[in-house]
Amino acid sequence: MKKTKLKIKKQVWIALVLIIFGCIGIYSFNKVRAKIEYKKTNEYKLLNIGYTKEDIKLLEEKTNKDSIKNLLNSPKNDFLLSLLKEQYYLNKNLSRYIAYNKENPSISPKEVISLINVNRDYAYYDHDIETDTSLNELMLINKYHKLNEDFEPNNLTNVSNKYYYGDNHKLQKIAYEAFIDMWNQAKNEDIYLIMNSSYRTYESQVNVYDSYKNRNGTTYADSIAARPGHSEHQTGLSLDIFSKDNTTTSNFKNSPAHIWLQNNSYRFGFIERYQEGKENITGFKEEAWHYRYVGIEAATYIHDNNITFDEYYAYFIEK
C-alpha cells in the first residue's frame, strides 16, 4: 500500500514538473513570438529609424497608416514632426506640405501650412473653386474661390444715405444691421464712420477691374482689384469704410477711425479683410478700409488669433 502511495506521489510530482516546464516553454515561446511580431510593427521600425515614442504617438494621432508606411524606408523626417505640432495642420494637405517644403526649404513649417491651406501652391486664378454660397456670411471669395456671374444675394437692403457718400449703396440685411450697431457705438466714442463702397454686381466688378487693367496692365490690376467673380463686394457682405475726417485711402490707415475699427469691429462681426503683412495669404495688398462681415464668432476668433479669413475657412469650415 505504501509503495502504491509513493508511486502516486512520484507520478504527481512528475506531472507537476512537466506542467511547470510546459508552462515555461509556452511562456518562452510566446515571448519569442511576441518579440518577432513586435519587430514587424511600425513602432519598432520607427524607433530604429530614430523616432521617439512621443513622435510615434504624434504620427498616429495626426496622420494615417499610409503616411506612416511611407516613412519606414526613409531617414527620420524632422520637418514632418514640426508640421504635426503646428496648430492648423491638416492631414489632407500633407503631401502638398512636403512638396512645397522641397521647393522652398527656407520657409518655416508654420508658414508652409498657412500657404498650402489657402492654396498658394497654385497660381492665382488658375485653380477655380466654386464658392459655397449656402454658407452666406461664411462663404469664401478670393483668387481661388469664385462666384457665378449671375449670383446676387437674396436679402439686399438699401443703405440710408446717413451712412455713405457717393452713389446709392446696398448690403445684405445681416451686414447692414451689424454696421448700424457698429456705427452707433463708434459715434458714441466720437468716431464718425462712413462707407463709400458696398455691394457690386458682377458687371460692376468687370468695369472696376478693366479700368485698372486698361490703364496699367494685368499685373497691376491683379494687385489692386479682384477679377470679376472673385470680388467680395458681390456678396453684399463687404464694404469700404472711411470716416468723415479721413475719406481717402492715403490718410485713413493711421486715422483714429481705423484704429477704432481694428480694436472694435470684430465685436460686431466685421474683420479687416486684407491685413498688413498677410498679402501672401490673401493675395491682395493691405486695404485698411475694406471690411467683411463674417459674424461675431468667426470675427472674434480671427481677431484674437491674428489670422486671415482664408486661414479660418480652410481649417474650421472647409476641412
Protein backbone atom coordinates (compact mmCIF):
# COMPACT_ATOMS: atom_id res chain seq x y z
CA MET A 1 0.00 0.00 0.00
CA LYS A 2 2.86 2.31 0.89
CA LYS A 3 4.56 1.56 -2.41
CA THR A 4 1.38 2.46 -4.25
CA LYS A 5 1.11 5.81 -2.44
CA LEU A 6 4.75 6.59 -3.11
CA LYS A 7 4.24 5.70 -6.73
CA ILE A 8 1.24 8.02 -6.93
CA LYS A 9 3.16 10.86 -5.24
CA LYS A 10 6.03 10.35 -7.65
CA GLN A 11 3.69 10.48 -10.61
CA VAL A 12 2.08 13.69 -9.25
CA TRP A 13 5.47 15.35 -8.86
CA ILE A 14 6.49 14.30 -12.32
CA ALA A 15 3.23 15.69 -13.68
CA LEU A 16 3.76 18.95 -11.83
CA VAL A 17 7.31 19.25 -13.13
CA LEU A 18 6.09 18.55 -16.66
CA ILE A 19 3.36 21.15 -16.28
CA ILE A 20 5.85 23.70 -14.94
CA PHE A 21 8.31 23.04 -17.76
CA GLY A 22 5.45 23.13 -20.22
CA CYS A 23 4.30 26.50 -18.93
CA ILE A 24 7.85 27.80 -19.05
CA GLY A 25 8.16 26.53 -22.61
CA ILE A 26 4.90 28.09 -23.68
CA TYR A 27 5.80 31.37 -21.97
CA SER A 28 9.24 31.41 -23.62
CA PHE A 29 7.73 30.53 -26.99
CA ASN A 30 5.11 33.28 -26.72
CA LYS A 31 7.75 35.75 -25.61
CA VAL A 32 9.98 34.90 -28.56
CA ARG A 33 7.00 35.01 -30.91
CA ALA A 34 5.86 38.38 -29.48
CA LYS A 35 9.37 39.73 -29.96
CA ILE A 36 9.41 38.52 -33.54
CA GLU A 37 5.96 40.02 -34.16
CA TYR A 38 6.93 43.32 -32.49
CA LYS A 39 9.88 43.63 -34.84
CA LYS A 40 7.35 43.67 -37.68
CA THR A 41 5.42 46.60 -36.21
CA ASN A 42 5.65 50.19 -37.39
CA GLU A 43 6.57 51.28 -33.87
CA TYR A 44 9.68 49.07 -33.80
CA LYS A 45 10.73 50.18 -37.27
CA LEU A 46 10.17 53.85 -36.47
CA LEU A 47 12.12 53.59 -33.22
CA ASN A 48 15.04 52.11 -35.16
CA ILE A 49 14.90 54.98 -37.62
CA GLY A 50 15.23 57.44 -34.74
CA TYR A 51 11.69 58.47 -33.83
CA THR A 52 10.81 58.57 -30.13
CA LYS A 53 7.67 57.05 -28.65
CA GLU A 54 6.31 60.59 -28.30
CA ASP A 55 7.00 61.15 -32.01
CA ILE A 56 5.21 57.93 -32.90
CA LYS A 57 2.19 58.87 -30.80
CA LEU A 58 2.03 62.19 -32.64
CA LEU A 59 2.29 60.44 -36.02
CA GLU A 60 -0.54 58.08 -35.09
CA GLU A 61 -2.75 60.94 -33.88
CA LYS A 62 -2.18 63.33 -36.79
CA THR A 63 -1.55 61.10 -39.84
CA ASN A 64 -2.81 57.77 -41.19
CA LYS A 65 -1.40 54.29 -41.81
CA ASP A 66 -0.37 55.06 -45.38
CA SER A 67 1.55 58.16 -44.31
CA ILE A 68 3.37 56.20 -41.60
CA LYS A 69 4.13 53.37 -44.02
CA ASN A 70 5.81 55.85 -46.35
CA LEU A 71 8.19 56.85 -43.55
CA LEU A 72 9.54 53.35 -42.91
CA ASN A 73 12.14 53.37 -45.68
CA SER A 74 13.37 56.93 -45.17
CA PRO A 75 15.51 58.77 -42.62
CA LYS A 76 13.76 60.49 -39.72
CA ASN A 77 11.70 63.41 -41.04
CA ASP A 78 12.06 66.27 -38.55
CA PHE A 79 10.21 68.68 -40.84
CA LEU A 80 7.17 66.41 -40.77
CA LEU A 81 7.23 66.31 -36.97
CA SER A 82 7.39 70.11 -36.93
CA LEU A 83 4.35 70.23 -39.21
CA LEU A 84 2.35 67.95 -36.95
CA LYS A 85 2.94 70.24 -33.98
CA GLU A 86 1.50 73.28 -35.76
CA GLN A 87 -1.99 74.40 -34.76
CA TYR A 88 -3.55 74.49 -38.22
CA TYR A 89 -2.09 71.28 -39.65
CA LEU A 90 -4.47 69.40 -41.97
CA ASN A 91 -3.58 65.81 -42.80
CA LYS A 92 -5.31 66.00 -46.18
CA ASN A 93 -2.63 68.51 -47.23
CA LEU A 94 0.38 66.53 -46.00
CA SER A 95 1.78 65.60 -49.41
CA ARG A 96 1.42 69.21 -50.56
CA TYR A 97 3.22 70.49 -47.44
CA ILE A 98 6.12 68.12 -48.12
CA ALA A 99 6.29 69.01 -51.82
CA TYR A 100 6.21 72.75 -51.09
CA ASN A 101 8.96 72.39 -48.49
CA LYS A 102 11.21 70.64 -51.03
CA GLU A 103 10.83 73.59 -53.38
CA ASN A 104 11.02 76.21 -50.60
CA PRO A 105 13.26 74.76 -47.84
CA SER A 106 13.81 78.11 -46.12
CA ILE A 107 10.12 78.61 -45.29
CA SER A 108 9.05 77.66 -41.77
CA PRO A 109 6.57 74.82 -41.13
CA LYS A 110 4.03 77.34 -39.80
CA GLU A 111 4.19 79.41 -42.98
CA VAL A 112 4.09 76.33 -45.22
CA ILE A 113 0.86 75.26 -43.53
CA SER A 114 -0.67 78.74 -43.85
CA LEU A 115 0.21 78.94 -47.54
CA ILE A 116 -0.85 75.45 -48.56
CA ASN A 117 -4.11 75.58 -46.57
CA VAL A 118 -5.14 78.61 -48.64
CA ASN A 119 -3.95 77.04 -51.95
CA ARG A 120 -0.90 79.22 -52.53
CA ASP A 121 0.86 76.30 -54.22
CA TYR A 122 -1.46 77.01 -57.16
CA ALA A 123 -1.25 80.05 -59.40
CA TYR A 124 -3.80 82.80 -58.78
CA TYR A 125 -6.94 82.47 -60.90
CA ASP A 126 -5.71 79.09 -62.18
CA HIS A 127 -7.48 76.85 -59.66
CA ASP A 128 -11.11 77.96 -59.58
CA ILE A 129 -13.26 76.56 -56.79
CA GLU A 130 -16.99 77.28 -56.86
CA THR A 131 -17.93 79.33 -53.80
CA ASP A 132 -20.38 77.62 -51.45
CA THR A 133 -22.95 80.42 -51.24
CA SER A 134 -25.11 78.39 -48.84
CA LEU A 135 -22.63 79.40 -46.12
CA ASN A 136 -23.76 83.02 -46.56
CA GLU A 137 -21.70 85.20 -44.18
CA LEU A 138 -19.04 82.45 -44.06
CA MET A 139 -18.76 81.99 -47.82
CA LEU A 140 -15.23 82.48 -49.13
CA ILE A 141 -14.35 84.54 -52.18
CA ASN A 142 -10.73 85.10 -53.15
CA LYS A 143 -8.37 84.45 -56.05
CA TYR A 144 -9.29 80.76 -55.95
CA HIS A 145 -12.93 80.74 -54.84
CA LYS A 146 -15.30 82.21 -57.40
CA LEU A 147 -18.91 83.37 -57.62
CA ASN A 148 -21.01 82.80 -60.71
CA GLU A 149 -21.73 85.93 -62.72
CA ASP A 150 -25.47 85.57 -62.05
CA PHE A 151 -25.09 85.37 -58.26
CA GLU A 152 -26.96 88.03 -56.34
CA PRO A 153 -27.78 87.95 -52.60
CA ASN A 154 -31.46 87.42 -51.85
CA ASN A 155 -31.74 89.91 -48.99
CA LEU A 156 -30.05 93.05 -50.24
CA THR A 157 -31.15 96.18 -48.37
CA ASN A 158 -30.81 99.79 -49.43
CA VAL A 159 -28.43 101.71 -47.18
CA SER A 160 -29.60 105.02 -45.75
CA ASN A 161 -27.65 107.99 -47.06
CA LYS A 162 -26.91 108.76 -43.43
CA TYR A 163 -24.16 106.15 -43.61
CA TYR A 164 -22.50 106.71 -47.01
CA TYR A 165 -21.32 109.17 -49.57
CA GLY A 166 -21.29 108.80 -53.33
CA ASP A 167 -23.76 106.62 -55.23
CA ASN A 168 -26.51 104.53 -53.67
CA HIS A 169 -25.43 101.55 -51.59
CA LYS A 170 -26.76 98.11 -50.75
CA LEU A 171 -25.77 95.44 -48.25
CA GLN A 172 -27.17 92.14 -47.09
CA LYS A 173 -29.58 92.84 -44.25
CA ILE A 174 -27.48 90.98 -41.66
CA ALA A 175 -24.36 93.00 -42.54
CA TYR A 176 -26.29 96.28 -42.72
CA GLU A 177 -27.83 95.85 -39.27
CA ALA A 178 -24.43 94.97 -37.82
CA PHE A 179 -22.92 98.05 -39.46
CA ILE A 180 -25.59 100.30 -37.94
CA ASP A 181 -24.83 98.88 -34.48
CA MET A 182 -21.12 99.48 -35.07
CA TRP A 183 -21.75 102.98 -36.44
CA ASN A 184 -23.77 103.92 -33.36
CA GLN A 185 -21.12 102.63 -30.97
CA ALA A 186 -18.37 104.46 -32.86
CA LYS A 187 -20.43 107.66 -32.81
CA ASN A 188 -20.76 107.37 -29.03
CA GLU A 189 -16.95 107.48 -28.95
CA ASP A 190 -16.76 110.48 -31.32
CA ILE A 191 -15.83 108.34 -34.35
CA TYR A 192 -17.96 109.04 -37.41
CA LEU A 193 -17.79 106.14 -39.86
CA ILE A 194 -18.93 106.40 -43.45
CA MET A 195 -18.95 103.89 -46.30
CA ASN A 196 -18.13 104.62 -49.91
CA SER A 197 -18.39 101.15 -51.46
CA SER A 198 -20.61 98.17 -50.71
CA TYR A 199 -22.46 95.67 -52.92
CA ARG A 200 -21.31 95.43 -56.52
CA THR A 201 -22.77 93.33 -59.28
CA TYR A 202 -20.56 91.08 -61.39
CA GLU A 203 -20.87 93.61 -64.20
CA SER A 204 -19.74 96.43 -61.92
CA GLN A 205 -16.64 94.48 -60.99
CA VAL A 206 -15.90 93.96 -64.68
CA ASN A 207 -15.80 97.73 -65.07
CA VAL A 208 -13.63 98.23 -61.95
CA TYR A 209 -11.11 95.58 -62.96
CA ASP A 210 -10.96 96.55 -66.62
CA SER A 211 -10.35 100.21 -65.77
CA TYR A 212 -7.17 99.27 -63.86
CA LYS A 213 -6.14 96.74 -66.48
CA ASN A 214 -6.57 99.13 -69.39
CA ARG A 215 -4.54 101.84 -67.64
CA ASN A 216 -1.72 99.83 -66.08
CA GLY A 217 -1.87 96.23 -67.30
CA THR A 218 -2.96 92.89 -65.89
CA THR A 219 -0.24 92.57 -63.24
CA TYR A 220 -1.14 95.89 -61.67
CA ALA A 221 -4.87 95.24 -61.92
CA ASP A 222 -4.48 91.89 -60.17
CA SER A 223 -2.54 93.52 -57.32
CA ILE A 224 -5.19 96.12 -56.58
CA ALA A 225 -8.55 94.69 -57.63
CA ALA A 226 -10.28 91.32 -57.82
CA ARG A 227 -11.20 89.83 -61.14
CA PRO A 228 -14.95 89.56 -61.82
CA GLY A 229 -16.46 86.72 -59.81
CA HIS A 230 -13.64 86.91 -57.29
CA SER A 231 -14.76 90.11 -55.56
CA GLU A 232 -16.20 90.00 -52.05
CA HIS A 233 -18.31 93.04 -52.88
CA GLN A 234 -20.56 90.77 -54.97
CA THR A 235 -21.63 89.01 -51.76
CA GLY A 236 -23.22 92.12 -50.25
CA LEU A 237 -21.21 91.39 -47.10
CA SER A 238 -18.21 93.63 -47.79
CA LEU A 239 -17.87 97.38 -47.63
CA ASP A 240 -15.19 100.03 -47.73
CA ILE A 241 -15.27 102.15 -44.58
CA PHE A 242 -13.74 105.57 -44.04
CA SER A 243 -14.59 108.40 -41.69
CA LYS A 244 -15.93 111.88 -42.19
CA ASP A 245 -12.48 113.25 -41.37
CA ASN A 246 -10.43 110.72 -43.34
CA THR A 247 -12.00 109.88 -46.67
CA THR A 248 -9.08 108.67 -48.79
CA THR A 249 -7.02 105.51 -48.89
CA SER A 250 -3.87 107.53 -48.27
CA ASN A 251 -4.93 109.13 -44.98
CA PHE A 252 -7.25 106.52 -43.46
CA LYS A 253 -4.74 103.90 -42.26
CA ASN A 254 -3.35 105.97 -39.37
CA SER A 255 -6.64 107.68 -38.55
CA PRO A 256 -8.50 107.34 -35.22
CA ALA A 257 -11.35 105.65 -37.11
CA HIS A 258 -9.10 102.89 -38.46
CA ILE A 259 -7.54 102.30 -35.06
CA TRP A 260 -11.03 102.11 -33.56
CA LEU A 261 -12.14 99.60 -36.19
CA GLN A 262 -9.08 97.41 -35.62
CA ASN A 263 -9.90 97.26 -31.92
CA ASN A 264 -13.68 97.01 -32.12
CA SER A 265 -15.07 95.85 -35.48
CA TYR A 266 -14.88 92.15 -34.54
CA ARG A 267 -17.36 92.76 -31.72
CA PHE A 268 -19.96 93.48 -34.42
CA GLY A 269 -18.93 90.63 -36.73
CA PHE A 270 -16.57 92.51 -39.07
CA ILE A 271 -12.95 91.84 -39.93
CA GLU A 272 -10.32 93.88 -41.74
CA ARG A 273 -10.18 91.55 -44.70
CA TYR A 274 -6.79 92.41 -46.23
CA GLN A 275 -4.37 92.94 -43.38
CA GLU A 276 -0.86 94.34 -43.39
CA GLY A 277 1.72 91.56 -43.55
CA LYS A 278 -0.81 89.00 -44.82
CA GLU A 279 -0.54 89.81 -48.52
CA ASN A 280 0.94 86.41 -49.39
CA ILE A 281 -2.06 84.72 -47.75
CA THR A 282 -4.92 86.89 -49.01
CA GLY A 283 -3.41 87.66 -52.41
CA PHE A 284 -4.14 91.38 -52.04
CA LYS A 285 -2.24 94.39 -50.83
CA GLU A 286 -3.25 95.78 -47.46
CA GLU A 287 -6.58 97.61 -47.53
CA ALA A 288 -7.16 99.30 -44.19
CA TRP A 289 -10.62 100.38 -45.30
CA HIS A 290 -12.00 97.05 -46.61
CA TYR A 291 -14.20 95.23 -44.07
CA ARG A 292 -16.11 91.98 -44.37
CA TYR A 293 -18.99 90.71 -42.26
CA VAL A 294 -18.38 87.10 -41.10
CA GLY A 295 -20.40 87.02 -37.87
CA ILE A 296 -19.24 87.68 -34.33
CA GLU A 297 -17.94 84.18 -33.57
CA ALA A 298 -15.66 83.96 -36.61
CA ALA A 299 -14.62 87.62 -36.41
CA THR A 300 -13.64 87.24 -32.75
CA TYR A 301 -11.51 84.17 -33.42
CA ILE A 302 -9.81 85.81 -36.41
CA HIS A 303 -9.08 88.94 -34.39
CA ASP A 304 -7.86 87.14 -31.27
CA ASN A 305 -5.60 84.75 -33.21
CA ASN A 306 -4.34 87.23 -35.81
CA ILE A 307 -5.18 85.09 -38.82
CA THR A 308 -6.99 85.78 -42.07
CA PHE A 309 -10.46 84.67 -43.07
CA ASP A 310 -8.82 82.46 -45.72
CA GLU A 311 -6.97 80.54 -42.98
CA TYR A 312 -10.04 80.36 -40.76
CA TYR A 313 -12.13 78.99 -43.62
CA ALA A 314 -9.56 76.34 -44.56
CA TYR A 315 -9.26 74.96 -41.03
CA PHE A 316 -12.70 75.39 -39.49
CA ILE A 317 -15.10 75.27 -42.44
CA GLU A 318 -13.55 73.52 -45.43
CA LYS A 319 -11.53 70.92 -43.52
